[in-house]
């Protein structure tokens, strides 16, 4: 049940950011946002920990700020896999991942634990 709630929160976050910042991220349909949220969850669960492990010295050197770059790369990677989800380059993915994280956090605050 928790996975479905997180999936819906991420999907809504993606749709909100795509609506507010159409030049940064754009989504062709509701289903593209759902597939993007699902794939982003899978990529963050499998690929992201491997990248974090291999870039740990750089992450420590930058006091954790390199994790933002990794999040942006994960979003950019998912945009290459999902045909109805588009990101305007690396910087769009970086800022989009930050904004999606903020909106997801805000939306999750409204749900009971």
Protein backbone atom coordinates (compact mmCIF):
# COMPACT_ATOMS: atom_id res chain seq x y z
CA UNK A 1 0.00 0.00 0.00
CA UNK A 2 2.85 2.37 0.84
CA UNK A 3 4.35 1.89 -2.64
CA UNK A 4 1.07 2.83 -4.33
CA UNK A 5 0.73 5.97 -2.20
CA UNK A 6 4.33 7.01 -2.99
CA UNK A 7 3.70 6.30 -6.68
CA UNK A 8 0.63 8.54 -6.72
CA UNK A 9 2.43 11.30 -4.79
CA UNK A 10 5.35 11.23 -7.25
CA UNK A 11 3.00 11.19 -10.22
CA UNK A 12 1.07 14.21 -8.91
CA UNK A 13 4.37 15.98 -8.18
CA UNK A 14 5.55 15.39 -11.74
CA UNK A 15 2.25 16.71 -13.11
CA UNK A 16 2.37 19.80 -10.87
CA UNK A 17 5.94 20.68 -11.85
CA UNK A 18 5.17 20.07 -15.52
CA UNK A 19 2.17 22.41 -15.24
CA UNK A 20 3.98 25.17 -13.31
CA UNK A 21 7.27 24.98 -15.26
CA UNK A 22 6.33 23.86 -18.79
CA UNK A 23 9.74 24.74 -20.26
CA UNK A 24 11.58 22.65 -17.69
CA UNK A 25 9.60 19.41 -17.73
CA UNK A 26 6.62 18.45 -19.84
CA UNK A 27 4.38 15.41 -19.80
CA UNK A 28 2.20 14.35 -22.72
CA UNK A 29 -0.43 12.50 -20.70
CA UNK A 30 -1.53 11.26 -17.32
CA UNK A 31 -0.28 7.78 -18.21
CA UNK A 32 3.15 9.10 -19.12
CA UNK A 33 3.37 10.69 -15.67
CA UNK A 34 2.31 7.42 -14.05
CA UNK A 35 4.90 5.41 -16.00
CA UNK A 36 7.53 8.04 -15.21
CA UNK A 37 6.77 7.89 -11.48
CA UNK A 38 6.88 4.08 -11.54
CA UNK A 39 10.13 3.94 -13.51
CA UNK A 40 11.69 6.68 -11.39
CA UNK A 41 10.94 4.63 -8.28
CA UNK A 42 12.52 1.53 -9.83
CA UNK A 43 15.59 3.45 -11.03
CA UNK A 44 16.02 5.14 -7.64
CA UNK A 45 15.79 1.76 -5.91
CA UNK A 46 18.24 -0.10 -8.18
CA UNK A 47 20.62 2.23 -10.04
CA UNK A 48 20.88 5.17 -7.64
CA UNK A 49 22.45 3.21 -4.74
CA UNK A 50 25.14 1.91 -7.10
CA UNK A 51 25.94 5.44 -8.30
CA UNK A 52 25.96 6.75 -4.74
CA UNK A 53 28.41 4.03 -3.73
CA UNK A 54 30.83 4.71 -6.58
CA UNK A 55 30.67 8.49 -6.16
CA UNK A 56 30.92 8.46 -2.36
CA UNK A 57 34.27 10.31 -2.24
CA UNK A 58 32.89 13.07 -4.48
CA UNK A 59 29.71 13.21 -2.41
CA UNK A 60 31.72 13.58 0.78
CA UNK A 61 33.96 16.21 -0.82
CA UNK A 62 30.93 18.28 -1.86
CA UNK A 63 29.22 17.75 1.53
CA UNK A 64 26.40 15.80 -0.08
CA UNK A 65 25.57 18.27 -2.84
CA UNK A 66 26.62 15.76 -5.51
CA UNK A 67 23.52 13.75 -4.55
CA UNK A 68 21.50 16.48 -6.28
CA UNK A 69 23.44 15.77 -9.47
CA UNK A 70 22.74 12.05 -9.11
CA UNK A 71 19.01 12.77 -8.65
CA UNK A 72 19.06 14.93 -11.77
CA UNK A 73 20.82 12.19 -13.72
CA UNK A 74 18.19 9.66 -12.62
CA UNK A 75 15.39 11.96 -13.84
CA UNK A 76 17.22 12.59 -17.10
CA UNK A 77 17.72 8.85 -17.59
CA UNK A 78 14.00 8.18 -17.02
CA UNK A 79 13.10 10.90 -19.52
CA UNK A 80 15.14 9.03 -22.12
CA UNK A 81 13.16 5.84 -21.41
CA UNK A 82 9.59 7.22 -21.26
CA UNK A 83 8.35 8.57 -24.57
CA UNK A 84 5.71 10.93 -23.14
CA UNK A 85 7.98 12.54 -20.55
CA UNK A 86 10.49 15.21 -21.57
CA UNK A 87 13.16 17.16 -19.70
CA UNK A 88 15.02 20.14 -21.14
CA UNK A 89 18.58 18.87 -20.75
CA UNK A 90 20.72 18.25 -17.70
CA UNK A 91 19.92 21.51 -15.94
CA UNK A 92 16.22 20.94 -16.46
CA UNK A 93 16.61 17.50 -14.94
CA UNK A 94 18.61 18.86 -12.01
CA UNK A 95 16.15 21.64 -11.16
CA UNK A 96 13.20 19.38 -11.98
CA UNK A 97 14.40 16.71 -9.57
CA UNK A 98 14.80 19.29 -6.81
CA UNK A 99 11.32 20.68 -7.43
CA UNK A 100 9.72 17.23 -7.66
CA UNK A 101 11.36 16.28 -4.37
CA UNK A 102 10.06 19.42 -2.67
CA UNK A 103 6.52 18.97 -3.98
CA UNK A 104 6.56 15.26 -3.07
CA UNK A 105 7.68 16.11 0.44
CA UNK A 106 4.93 18.74 0.81
CA UNK A 107 2.25 16.36 -0.49
CA UNK A 108 3.42 13.55 1.80
CA UNK A 109 3.06 15.87 4.83
CA UNK A 110 -0.70 16.00 4.21
CA UNK A 111 -1.13 12.23 4.42
CA UNK A 112 -1.52 10.42 7.73
CA UNK A 113 1.31 8.08 8.69
